[in-house]
Protein backbone atom coordinates (compact mmCIF):
# COMPACT_ATOMS: atom_id res chain seq x y z
CA MET A 1 0.00 0.00 0.00
CA GLN A 2 2.76 2.40 1.01
CA LYS A 3 4.64 1.55 -2.18
CA SER A 4 1.57 2.42 -4.28
CA LYS A 5 1.24 5.75 -2.47
CA ASN A 6 4.88 6.54 -3.11
CA ILE A 7 4.47 5.82 -6.81
CA TYR A 8 1.28 7.91 -6.88
CA PHE A 9 2.90 10.92 -5.18
CA SER A 10 6.04 10.56 -7.28
CA GLY A 11 3.86 10.71 -10.40
CA ILE A 12 2.13 13.84 -9.13
CA ILE A 13 5.48 15.50 -8.32
CA ILE A 14 6.81 14.67 -11.80
CA ILE A 15 3.66 16.07 -13.44
CA LEU A 16 3.81 19.23 -11.32
CA PHE A 17 7.51 19.62 -12.04
CA PHE A 18 6.91 19.26 -15.78
CA ALA A 19 3.95 21.69 -15.55
CA LEU A 20 6.25 24.20 -13.81
CA LEU A 21 8.88 23.77 -16.55
CA GLU A 22 6.21 24.06 -19.24
CA GLY A 23 4.67 27.17 -17.67
CA THR A 24 8.06 28.83 -17.31
CA ALA A 25 9.06 27.89 -20.87
CA ARG A 26 5.86 29.41 -22.29
CA LEU A 27 6.96 32.79 -20.98
CA PHE A 28 9.97 32.66 -23.32
CA VAL A 29 9.32 30.10 -26.08
CA PHE A 30 6.30 29.26 -28.25
CA PRO A 31 5.17 25.66 -28.69
CA GLY A 32 7.03 23.87 -31.46
CA SER A 33 6.60 23.23 -35.15
CA SER A 34 8.45 21.18 -37.76
CA ASP A 35 12.24 21.17 -37.52
CA TYR A 36 12.47 23.08 -40.81
CA ILE A 37 10.26 25.90 -39.54
CA GLU A 38 12.08 25.99 -36.19
CA ARG A 39 15.38 26.24 -38.04
CA ARG A 40 14.11 29.16 -40.10
CA ILE A 41 12.78 30.90 -36.97
CA ILE A 42 16.24 30.63 -35.42
CA GLU A 43 18.04 31.74 -38.60
CA HIS A 44 15.78 34.78 -38.96
CA GLY A 45 16.16 35.64 -35.27
CA LEU A 46 12.39 35.91 -34.73
CA LYS A 47 11.51 36.72 -31.14
CA GLN A 48 8.29 35.99 -29.30
CA LYS A 49 7.87 39.66 -28.41
CA LYS A 50 7.81 42.23 -31.21
CA ALA A 51 9.85 45.40 -30.87
CA GLY A 52 7.98 48.68 -30.60
CA GLY A 53 6.51 49.64 -33.97
CA GLU A 54 7.87 46.47 -35.64
CA PHE A 55 6.04 45.35 -38.80
CA ARG A 56 6.49 41.67 -39.67
CA ILE A 57 6.15 40.29 -43.18
CA LEU A 58 6.30 36.47 -43.21
CA LEU A 59 6.55 34.62 -46.51
CA TYR A 60 5.57 31.01 -47.21
CA GLY A 61 5.69 28.74 -50.22
CA GLU A 62 7.53 26.24 -52.34
CA SER A 63 10.83 26.59 -54.22
CA THR A 64 9.79 29.81 -55.97
CA MET A 65 9.36 31.53 -52.60
CA HIS A 66 12.43 29.77 -51.17
CA GLY A 67 14.56 31.13 -54.02
CA SER A 68 15.69 27.82 -55.53
CA HIS A 69 19.07 28.23 -57.31
CA LEU A 70 19.22 31.92 -56.28
CA PHE A 71 18.99 31.16 -52.55
CA PRO A 72 20.40 32.69 -50.39
CA HIS A 73 21.83 35.39 -52.67
CA SER A 74 18.54 36.71 -54.02
CA THR A 75 15.05 36.03 -52.62
CA ILE A 76 11.69 37.78 -52.81
CA ASP A 77 11.89 38.87 -49.17
CA LYS A 78 15.28 40.50 -49.75
CA TRP A 79 13.83 42.45 -52.67
CA ILE A 80 10.87 43.59 -50.57
CA LYS A 81 13.33 45.00 -48.02
CA LEU A 82 15.32 46.75 -50.75
CA TYR A 83 12.25 48.44 -52.20
CA LEU A 84 10.92 49.47 -48.79
CA ALA A 85 14.30 50.96 -47.83
CA ASP A 86 14.10 53.23 -50.90
CA LEU A 87 10.41 54.09 -50.89
CA LEU A 88 9.37 54.44 -47.24
CA PRO A 89 9.92 57.62 -45.22
CA GLU A 90 13.24 57.88 -43.43
CA GLY A 91 13.54 55.42 -40.53
CA VAL A 92 10.36 53.44 -41.27
CA SER A 93 11.92 50.55 -43.23
CA SER A 94 14.24 49.74 -40.32
CA ARG A 95 11.13 48.67 -38.38
CA VAL A 96 10.21 46.06 -41.02
CA THR A 97 11.16 42.44 -40.39
CA THR A 98 10.89 39.89 -43.21
CA ALA A 99 11.17 36.14 -42.66
CA ASN A 100 11.01 33.60 -45.48
CA PHE A 101 9.62 30.13 -44.66
CA GLY A 102 9.59 28.93 -48.28
CA ARG A 103 10.78 25.35 -48.73
CA MET A 104 11.95 23.35 -51.73
CA GLY A 105 9.35 20.72 -52.68
CA ALA A 106 6.74 21.95 -50.17
CA ASN A 107 3.10 21.22 -50.96
CA SER A 108 0.03 23.20 -49.94
CA ARG A 109 -0.48 21.18 -46.74
CA PHE A 110 3.03 21.95 -45.50
CA ILE A 111 2.63 25.62 -46.37
CA ARG A 112 -0.72 25.86 -44.54
CA LYS A 113 0.77 24.17 -41.45
CA ALA A 114 3.85 26.41 -41.57
CA PHE A 115 1.57 29.45 -41.49
CA LEU A 116 -0.49 28.08 -38.61
CA GLU A 117 2.65 27.25 -36.62
CA THR A 118 4.09 30.74 -37.06
CA VAL A 119 0.91 32.74 -36.37
CA PRO A 120 2.08 33.13 -32.71
CA TYR A 121 4.90 35.32 -34.07
CA LYS A 122 2.22 37.89 -34.98
CA PRO A 123 2.78 38.56 -38.68
CA ASP A 124 1.34 41.87 -39.91
CA LEU A 125 1.30 40.53 -43.46
CA ALA A 126 1.63 37.00 -44.85
CA VAL A 127 2.67 36.34 -48.47
CA PHE A 128 2.15 32.96 -50.18
CA TYR A 129 3.26 31.15 -53.30
CA MET A 130 1.27 27.88 -53.49
CA ALA A 131 1.01 26.58 -57.04
CA HIS A 132 3.00 23.74 -58.57
CA ASN A 133 3.94 21.00 -56.17
CA ASP A 134 0.57 19.44 -55.38
CA PHE A 135 0.20 18.69 -59.09
CA CYS A 136 3.80 18.27 -60.22
CA ILE A 137 5.41 16.08 -57.57
CA ALA A 138 4.04 12.56 -57.99
CA GLU A 139 4.24 11.74 -54.26
CA ASN A 140 2.01 14.72 -53.44
CA ARG A 141 -0.72 13.38 -55.72
CA ARG A 142 -1.07 10.09 -53.85
CA TYR A 143 -3.64 11.03 -51.23
CA ILE A 144 -4.17 7.48 -50.01
CA PRO A 145 -5.95 6.94 -46.65
CA ARG A 146 -3.30 6.06 -44.09
CA PRO A 147 -3.62 2.92 -41.90
CA PHE A 148 -4.75 3.44 -38.31
CA MET A 149 -1.32 2.80 -36.75
CA LYS A 150 0.38 5.30 -39.05
CA ARG A 151 -2.27 7.90 -38.24
CA PHE A 152 -1.79 7.13 -34.52
CA TYR A 153 1.97 7.62 -35.00
CA ASP A 154 1.33 10.99 -36.68
CA VAL A 155 -0.78 12.13 -33.72
CA THR A 156 1.84 11.06 -31.15
CA ALA A 157 4.60 12.67 -33.23
CA GLU A 158 2.64 15.94 -33.23
CA PHE A 159 2.09 15.91 -29.45
CA PRO A 160 5.59 17.16 -28.42
CA LYS A 161 5.16 20.15 -30.73
CA HIS A 162 2.50 21.51 -28.36
CA SER A 163 5.05 21.76 -25.56
CA SER A 164 7.15 24.92 -25.18
CA PHE A 165 9.62 23.13 -22.88
CA LEU A 166 10.25 20.32 -25.38
CA ASN A 167 10.48 22.91 -28.15
CA PHE A 168 13.13 24.74 -26.12
CA LEU A 169 15.19 21.52 -25.95
CA ASN A 170 14.57 20.87 -29.66
CA ARG A 171 15.83 24.35 -30.52
CA LEU A 172 19.08 23.69 -28.68
CA VAL A 173 19.55 20.58 -30.82
CA ILE A 174 18.71 22.50 -34.03
CA ARG A 175 21.13 25.31 -33.11
CA SER A 176 23.94 22.78 -32.68
CA LYS A 177 23.05 21.20 -36.05
CA ILE A 178 23.14 24.61 -37.72
CA MET A 179 26.61 25.30 -36.33
CA MET A 180 27.93 21.86 -37.28
CA GLY A 181 26.36 22.16 -40.72
CA ARG A 182 28.09 25.47 -41.36
CA LYS A 183 31.47 24.01 -40.43
CA LYS A 184 30.84 20.97 -42.57
CA ASP A 185 29.79 23.09 -45.58
CA THR A 186 32.98 25.15 -45.28
CA ARG A 187 35.18 22.05 -45.19
CA LEU A 188 33.49 20.39 -48.13
CA LYS A 189 33.31 23.40 -50.44
CA ASP A 190 35.18 22.29 -53.55
CA VAL A 191 34.22 23.15 -57.12
CA ASN A 192 36.90 21.05 -58.82
CA ASN A 193 35.21 17.68 -58.44
CA TRP A 194 34.29 15.83 -61.63
CA TYR A 195 30.65 16.01 -62.68
CA THR A 196 28.73 12.74 -62.51
CA GLU A 197 25.19 12.83 -63.79
CA GLY A 198 22.51 11.45 -61.53
CA SER A 199 19.35 9.80 -62.75
CA GLY A 200 17.58 13.14 -63.33
CA LEU A 201 13.86 12.55 -63.33
CA PRO A 202 12.88 9.38 -61.46
CA ASP A 203 11.76 6.36 -63.42
CA ILE A 204 8.31 7.40 -64.59
CA THR A 205 5.63 4.73 -64.79
CA GLU A 206 2.01 5.00 -65.85
CA ALA A 207 1.07 5.18 -62.17
CA ASP A 208 2.85 8.55 -62.04
CA TYR A 209 0.81 10.03 -64.89
CA ILE A 210 -1.93 12.52 -64.15
CA TYR A 211 -4.92 12.79 -66.45
CA ARG A 212 -7.16 15.82 -66.67
CA PRO A 213 -10.02 15.31 -66.15
CA SER A 214 -9.94 12.23 -63.94
CA PRO A 215 -10.99 11.34 -60.36
CA GLN A 216 -7.32 11.48 -59.31
CA PHE A 217 -6.85 14.98 -60.77
CA ASP A 218 -10.09 16.17 -59.17
CA ARG A 219 -8.93 14.81 -55.78
CA VAL A 220 -5.57 16.62 -56.03
CA LYS A 221 -7.32 19.83 -57.10
CA ILE A 222 -9.78 19.67 -54.18
CA VAL A 223 -6.98 19.08 -51.64
CA PHE A 224 -4.99 22.01 -53.05
CA GLU A 225 -7.95 24.39 -53.09
CA ASN A 226 -9.02 23.37 -49.57
CA ASN A 227 -5.55 24.08 -48.21
CA VAL A 228 -5.61 27.55 -49.76
CA LYS A 229 -9.08 28.17 -48.31
CA LYS A 230 -7.99 26.90 -44.87
CA THR A 231 -4.98 29.24 -45.03
CA ILE A 232 -7.35 32.13 -45.68
CA ASP A 233 -9.54 30.99 -42.76
CA ILE A 234 -6.51 30.99 -40.42
CA ALA A 235 -5.57 34.49 -41.57
CA ARG A 236 -9.09 35.85 -41.10
CA ARG A 237 -9.37 34.36 -37.60
CA HIS A 238 -6.23 36.26 -36.64
CA SER A 239 -6.96 39.40 -38.73
CA ILE A 240 -3.78 38.93 -40.79
CA PRO A 241 -3.79 40.43 -44.31
CA VAL A 242 -2.60 37.88 -46.89
CA ILE A 243 -1.24 38.03 -50.42
CA PHE A 244 -1.27 35.09 -52.82
CA PHE A 245 0.76 34.95 -56.00
CA GLU A 246 -0.90 33.11 -58.87
CA ARG A 247 1.11 30.42 -60.64
CA ILE A 248 3.85 31.54 -63.01
CA ALA A 249 5.44 29.34 -65.66
CA ARG A 250 7.64 29.56 -68.69
CA TRP A 251 6.54 27.40 -71.61
CA LYS A 252 9.01 28.53 -74.23
CA GLY A 253 11.91 26.14 -74.84
CA TYR A 254 10.56 23.22 -72.79
CA GLU A 255 8.50 20.51 -74.45
CA PRO A 256 5.98 18.39 -72.49
CA ILE A 257 7.75 15.60 -70.61
CA ARG A 258 5.18 12.87 -71.27
CA PRO A 259 2.94 13.55 -74.29
CA ILE A 260 0.61 10.52 -74.51
CA HIS A 261 -1.73 9.58 -77.34
CA ASP A 262 -5.43 9.15 -76.66
CA PRO A 263 -5.82 5.43 -75.82
CA ALA A 264 -9.12 5.39 -77.78
CA ILE A 265 -7.44 6.32 -81.08
CA THR A 266 -7.55 3.55 -83.72
CA LYS A 267 -4.44 2.11 -85.35
CA ASP A 268 -5.35 3.60 -88.73
CA ALA A 269 -5.95 7.03 -87.21
CA LEU A 270 -2.67 6.82 -85.28
CA ALA A 271 -0.79 5.88 -88.47
CA LEU A 272 -2.32 8.87 -90.28
CA HIS A 273 -1.46 11.12 -87.32
CA ASP A 274 2.17 9.95 -87.27
CA ASN A 275 2.52 10.53 -91.02
CA LEU A 276 1.12 14.06 -90.75
CA PHE A 277 3.21 14.81 -87.67
CA SER A 278 6.40 13.67 -89.44
CA ARG A 279 5.61 15.94 -92.41
CA ALA A 280 4.86 18.82 -90.03
CA GLU A 281 8.23 18.33 -88.31
CA GLU A 282 9.99 18.55 -91.67
CA GLU A 283 8.20 21.80 -92.49
CA PHE A 284 9.00 23.14 -89.04
CA THR A 285 12.71 22.32 -89.48
CA LYS A 286 12.66 24.20 -92.80
CA LYS A 287 11.10 27.21 -90.99
CA ARG A 288 7.96 26.97 -93.10
CA TYR A 289 5.79 27.64 -90.08
CA ALA A 290 2.44 28.31 -91.77
CA GLU A 291 2.66 24.98 -93.62
CA ALA A 292 3.77 23.18 -90.46
CA LEU A 293 0.93 24.76 -88.48
CA ALA A 294 -1.67 23.51 -90.94
CA LEU A 295 -0.32 19.96 -90.62
CA TYR A 296 -0.12 20.12 -86.81
CA ASP A 297 -3.71 21.38 -86.76
CA ARG A 298 -4.79 18.26 -88.70
CA CYS A 299 -2.90 16.14 -86.15
CA ALA A 300 -4.78 17.82 -83.29
CA ARG A 301 -8.10 17.03 -84.94
CA ILE A 302 -7.15 13.35 -85.12
CA ASP A 303 -5.77 13.17 -81.55
CA PRO A 304 -6.72 16.15 -79.35
CA MET A 305 -4.96 14.56 -76.34
CA TYR A 306 -1.36 14.64 -77.65
CA ALA A 307 0.45 17.46 -75.82
CA LEU A 308 3.43 17.80 -78.14
CA THR A 309 1.19 18.82 -81.05
CA TYR A 310 -0.05 21.85 -79.11
CA HIS A 311 3.48 22.79 -78.08
CA ARG A 312 4.57 22.73 -81.73
CA MET A 313 1.52 24.78 -82.73
CA ALA A 314 2.48 27.31 -80.08
CA GLU A 315 6.04 27.50 -81.48
CA CYS A 316 4.65 28.05 -84.98
CA ARG A 317 2.25 30.75 -83.75
CA GLU A 318 5.10 32.47 -81.93
CA ARG A 319 7.33 32.50 -85.01
CA LEU A 320 4.44 33.82 -87.08
CA GLY A 321 4.00 36.71 -84.65
CA GLU A 322 0.68 35.46 -83.20
CA PHE A 323 1.89 35.75 -79.62
CA SER A 324 -1.43 35.69 -77.77
CA LYS A 325 -2.49 32.51 -79.58
CA ALA A 326 0.96 31.01 -78.94
CA ASN A 327 0.55 31.48 -75.19
CA LYS A 328 -2.86 29.79 -75.31
CA PHE A 329 -1.42 26.74 -77.10
CA TYR A 330 1.61 26.58 -74.78
CA SER A 331 -0.73 26.49 -71.78
CA GLU A 332 -2.90 23.82 -73.38
CA ALA A 333 0.17 21.68 -74.10
CA ASN A 334 1.13 21.87 -70.43
CA ASP A 335 -2.40 20.92 -69.34
CA LEU A 336 -2.18 17.79 -71.50
CA ASP A 337 1.30 16.76 -70.29
CA ARG A 338 0.93 13.54 -68.28
CA PHE A 339 3.96 14.29 -66.09
CA PRO A 340 4.01 18.09 -65.82
CA LEU A 341 6.64 20.15 -64.02
CA ARG A 342 4.34 23.19 -64.23
CA ALA A 343 0.94 23.42 -62.57
CA PRO A 344 -2.15 23.34 -64.80
CA SER A 345 -4.23 26.36 -65.75
CA ASP A 346 -6.82 25.25 -63.17
CA VAL A 347 -4.62 26.76 -60.45
CA ASN A 348 -4.87 30.27 -61.87
CA ARG A 349 -8.57 29.90 -62.59
CA PHE A 350 -9.06 29.05 -58.91
CA TYR A 351 -7.05 32.07 -57.76
CA GLU A 352 -8.99 34.25 -60.18
CA SER A 353 -12.25 33.04 -58.62
CA LEU A 354 -10.90 34.07 -55.20
CA ARG A 355 -9.85 37.47 -56.54
CA LEU A 356 -13.34 38.13 -57.90
CA GLN A 357 -14.85 37.45 -54.47
CA ASN A 358 -13.11 40.59 -53.11
CA LEU A 359 -12.48 38.95 -49.74
CA ASP A 360 -11.47 41.39 -47.02
CA LYS A 361 -7.67 41.50 -46.49
CA VAL A 362 -7.13 38.79 -49.15
CA HIS A 363 -5.11 39.99 -52.15
CA ILE A 364 -4.32 38.02 -55.31
CA ILE A 365 -1.43 39.00 -57.59
CA ARG A 366 -2.00 37.92 -61.20
CA THR A 367 1.60 36.80 -61.59
CA GLN A 368 1.44 35.12 -65.00
CA GLU A 369 -0.22 38.18 -66.51
CA LEU A 370 2.35 40.42 -64.79
CA PHE A 371 5.27 38.44 -66.24
CA GLU A 372 3.73 38.32 -69.72
CA GLU A 373 3.15 42.08 -69.70
CA SER A 374 6.81 42.54 -68.74
CA SER A 375 8.14 40.18 -71.44
CA PRO A 376 8.99 40.89 -75.09
CA ASP A 377 5.99 39.90 -77.28
CA GLY A 378 4.09 38.81 -74.16
CA ILE A 379 5.81 35.40 -74.01
CA VAL A 380 7.82 34.75 -70.86
CA GLY A 381 11.46 33.89 -71.52
CA ASP A 382 14.71 33.62 -69.62
CA GLU A 383 14.73 37.33 -68.74
CA LEU A 384 12.19 36.64 -65.97
CA ILE A 385 12.16 32.83 -65.50
CA GLY A 386 15.45 30.95 -65.58
CA ASP A 387 14.12 27.42 -66.07
CA GLN A 388 10.49 26.32 -66.32
CA ILE A 389 9.12 27.84 -63.10
CA HIS A 390 11.72 29.72 -61.04
CA PRO A 391 12.03 33.50 -61.43
CA THR A 392 15.34 35.11 -62.23
CA VAL A 393 16.66 37.94 -60.06
CA ASP A 394 14.63 40.34 -62.24
CA GLY A 395 11.57 38.11 -61.86
CA GLN A 396 11.90 38.12 -58.08
CA ALA A 397 12.23 41.92 -58.16
CA LEU A 398 9.03 42.16 -60.21
CA MET A 399 7.11 39.99 -57.71
CA ALA A 400 8.47 41.91 -54.71
CA LEU A 401 7.49 45.25 -56.21
CA GLU A 402 3.88 44.05 -56.55
CA VAL A 403 3.86 43.18 -52.84
CA VAL A 404 5.21 46.64 -52.02
CA LYS A 405 2.52 48.25 -54.19
CA LEU A 406 -0.16 46.37 -52.24
CA ILE A 407 1.38 47.53 -48.95
CA TYR A 408 1.21 51.09 -50.31
CA ASP A 409 -2.36 50.75 -51.64
CA ASN A 410 -3.60 49.47 -48.28
CA ASP A 411 -1.80 52.05 -46.08
CA MET A 412 -0.01 49.30 -44.14
CA LEU A 413 3.22 51.08 -43.23
CA ALA A 414 2.87 54.79 -43.90
CA PRO A 415 0.33 57.24 -45.33
CA LYS A 416 0.44 57.33 -49.14
CA ALA A 417 1.58 60.96 -49.18
CA ARG A 418 4.79 60.06 -47.36
CA TRP A 419 5.97 57.38 -49.78
CA ARG A 420 8.91 58.37 -51.99
CA TRP A 421 8.09 56.86 -55.38
CA ASP A 422 10.40 59.36 -57.02
CA ARG A 423 13.25 57.25 -55.58
CA LEU A 424 12.12 54.04 -57.32
CA ARG A 425 15.13 52.47 -59.06
CA THR A 426 15.27 49.83 -61.76
CA ALA A 427 15.99 46.26 -60.74
CA GLY A 428 19.30 46.51 -62.60
CA GLU A 429 20.38 49.43 -60.45
CA MET A 430 19.29 47.70 -57.26
CA LYS A 431 21.03 44.36 -57.94
CA LYS A 432 24.32 45.78 -56.69
CA SER A 433 22.84 45.94 -53.19
CA LEU A 434 22.57 42.12 -53.15
CA ASN A 435 26.38 41.84 -53.39
CA ILE A 436 26.23 38.82 -55.68
CA ASP A 437 29.90 38.03 -56.23
CA LYS A 438 31.53 35.74 -58.80
CA ASP A 439 31.24 32.68 -56.54
CA ALA A 440 27.52 33.31 -56.17
CA GLU A 441 27.04 33.86 -59.91
CA PHE A 442 28.86 30.58 -60.57
CA GLU A 443 26.64 28.70 -58.09
CA ILE A 444 23.50 30.23 -59.62
CA GLU A 445 24.41 29.11 -63.14
CA LEU A 446 25.21 25.59 -61.92
CA GLY A 447 21.92 25.53 -60.02
CA LEU A 448 20.02 26.39 -63.18
CA ALA A 449 21.85 23.69 -65.14
CA GLY A 450 21.05 21.19 -62.41
CA TYR A 451 17.35 22.01 -62.42
CA VAL A 452 16.85 21.73 -66.18
CA GLY A 453 18.81 18.46 -65.99
CA HIS A 454 18.21 16.40 -69.11
CA HIS A 455 17.25 19.44 -71.19
CA TYR A 456 20.86 19.42 -72.37
CA VAL A 457 20.50 22.26 -74.87
CA LYS A 458 19.30 24.57 -72.09
CA ALA A 459 21.85 23.17 -69.61
CA ARG A 460 24.64 24.06 -72.05
CA GLU A 461 23.68 27.74 -71.95
CA TYR A 462 23.99 27.91 -68.17
CA LEU A 463 27.17 25.83 -68.07
CA GLU A 464 28.84 28.00 -70.72
CA ARG A 465 28.06 31.04 -68.58
CA ALA A 466 29.36 29.25 -65.46
CA LEU A 467 32.61 28.36 -67.22
CA ALA A 468 33.02 31.95 -68.42
CA ILE A 469 32.92 32.97 -64.74
CA LYS A 470 35.37 30.27 -63.61
CA PRO A 471 37.33 28.97 -66.61
CA GLY A 472 39.45 26.71 -64.40
CA SER A 473 36.59 24.70 -62.86
CA ILE A 474 37.02 21.02 -63.69
CA PHE A 475 33.49 20.38 -62.41
CA ALA A 476 31.83 22.88 -64.76
CA LYS A 477 34.06 21.84 -67.67
CA SER A 478 33.30 18.11 -67.26
CA TRP A 479 29.57 18.83 -66.94
CA LEU A 480 29.59 21.00 -70.06
CA ALA A 481 31.50 18.34 -72.02
CA TRP A 482 28.85 15.80 -71.02
CA ALA A 483 26.01 18.20 -71.99
CA TYR A 484 27.63 18.78 -75.39
CA TRP A 485 27.93 15.02 -75.94
CA LYS A 486 24.34 14.27 -74.90
CA SER A 487 22.91 17.08 -77.04
CA GLY A 488 24.74 15.92 -80.18
CA GLU A 489 27.50 18.56 -80.19
CA LYS A 490 30.15 15.83 -80.36
CA ARG A 491 32.92 17.96 -81.84
CA LYS A 492 32.67 20.47 -78.99
CA ALA A 493 32.42 17.63 -76.47
CA ILE A 494 35.58 15.94 -77.72
CA ASP A 495 37.55 19.21 -77.79
CA LEU A 496 36.57 19.83 -74.17
CA TYR A 497 37.34 16.24 -73.10
CA ARG A 498 40.81 16.55 -74.67
CA GLN A 499 41.36 19.76 -72.75
CA LEU A 500 40.24 17.99 -69.55
CA TYR A 501 42.65 15.15 -70.25
CA ARG A 502 45.53 17.62 -70.43
CA GLU A 503 44.47 19.37 -67.20
CA ALA A 504 43.30 16.37 -65.14
CA PRO A 505 44.50 13.17 -66.85
CA ALA A 506 43.80 10.73 -64.00
CA VAL A 507 40.18 11.66 -63.37
CA THR A 508 39.44 12.04 -67.10
CA SER A 509 40.85 8.57 -67.84
CA GLU A 510 38.77 7.10 -65.02
CA HIS A 511 35.62 8.73 -66.43
CA LEU A 512 36.30 7.54 -69.99
CA LYS A 513 36.56 3.92 -68.86
CA ASN A 514 32.77 4.04 -68.39
CA TYR A 515 32.17 5.63 -71.80
CA PRO A 516 34.15 3.77 -74.47
CA ASP A 517 32.23 5.55 -77.26
CA ILE A 518 33.59 8.91 -76.07
CA ALA A 519 37.10 7.45 -75.67
CA ALA A 520 36.95 5.97 -79.19
CA GLU A 521 35.90 9.34 -80.61
CA MET A 522 38.79 11.04 -78.78
CA ASN A 523 41.31 8.65 -80.32
CA ARG A 524 40.24 9.52 -83.84
CA LYS A 525 42.37 12.06 -85.64
């Protein structure tokens, strides 16, 4: 009996002790969130208590908001700060805090949760880019009901996040990881390694395709839209103004990844389609675009599901100067791609429906339209988007300026009369403030080449620019040689491989053992 009492009282003392620790911790630390969000909170130096007059702008999203290949040198939040420093009255911009919680590969569920978990930090404005990843990352499309035990595990894994004391301990661990990671990155920084191509896109099976319309597509669309709506609900409960960017994409220069014929097409119809398509390709190669367009149009009538036909029609329209029609066909080609890297047009139609509702404190930026209006001929190219979806430095500047205009229009930081729009500089003039040095420029070009991956013709452009920045980089040189070889520029590839052999004979010889066709070509005179 006495033993039971001792255990009982010991339990009570432990609970009270933990409650005391928890109560004390809550005075200094908020309950926890995911490790990624906690890491970003630490890196941005966000405090529980805001400074007097502080205005917090928190940003959330996927790789576009994160910055992708431009991170950490240029990001949308950095551009917002640059514009505000120029345009706000003296001393006001110093009160503005920006914190970017964008994450590579994040889907709408993660973004919604990240917002909910950081609401305690009292944002005065929240900015979102939620667009591609629910539709374009195959794993995000598989909304399969989870077994009971896995759901139970999720609930128990979430429980510690509600504790400030446990979050305090977790932050100590994260801080130590950040410090160790920085040391490790410094030690391992070496640009002279030899490039070895990975697998690029994963092995794509029919299970990874997405058809529009289909029950699977509708399910993904509903989940995405519900997460956006729930994000708005969170913001309205806490009276936080929010800004959403619509989806932006670049179609030009990137064909659909998986154009698939309509399974209902007959063999005879498919044979006729293939014959017409082959003739159209010949005309296109000869730059006889009107003739090619007529043939592609006949192909589309036979098989309206084949994405590549629409992409070719868009290219013809563009070369014929019919730019508005070209954009329409580019978008349709992307909608028909069975493994898209760019979100479908449904995303922007959904955001447009939200915009037309005129919801209080909910602002929608028509990003695609903005980029097209700022592009030559209205077709977005590499001036504003570096690959298929990620803005360039100029593209980020354009997006940030729209956020700043909304802050101005809604009197969020200063009365309109006090803003100094006469001091507005071009993005080109402002870039110097980012202090992007040669090392950063080199990393950015390599990042672009890495993202476009097996689009070797595009990868070559970025790698040539990277090598112009650092002509002695074995890594960039070996990657460029490989891109030349894979894109059919064999003479250039062999010249570069011979140069590599002179500069790094051991590693070049080791590489060529795996590619006897390249070695044989090198030995020819």
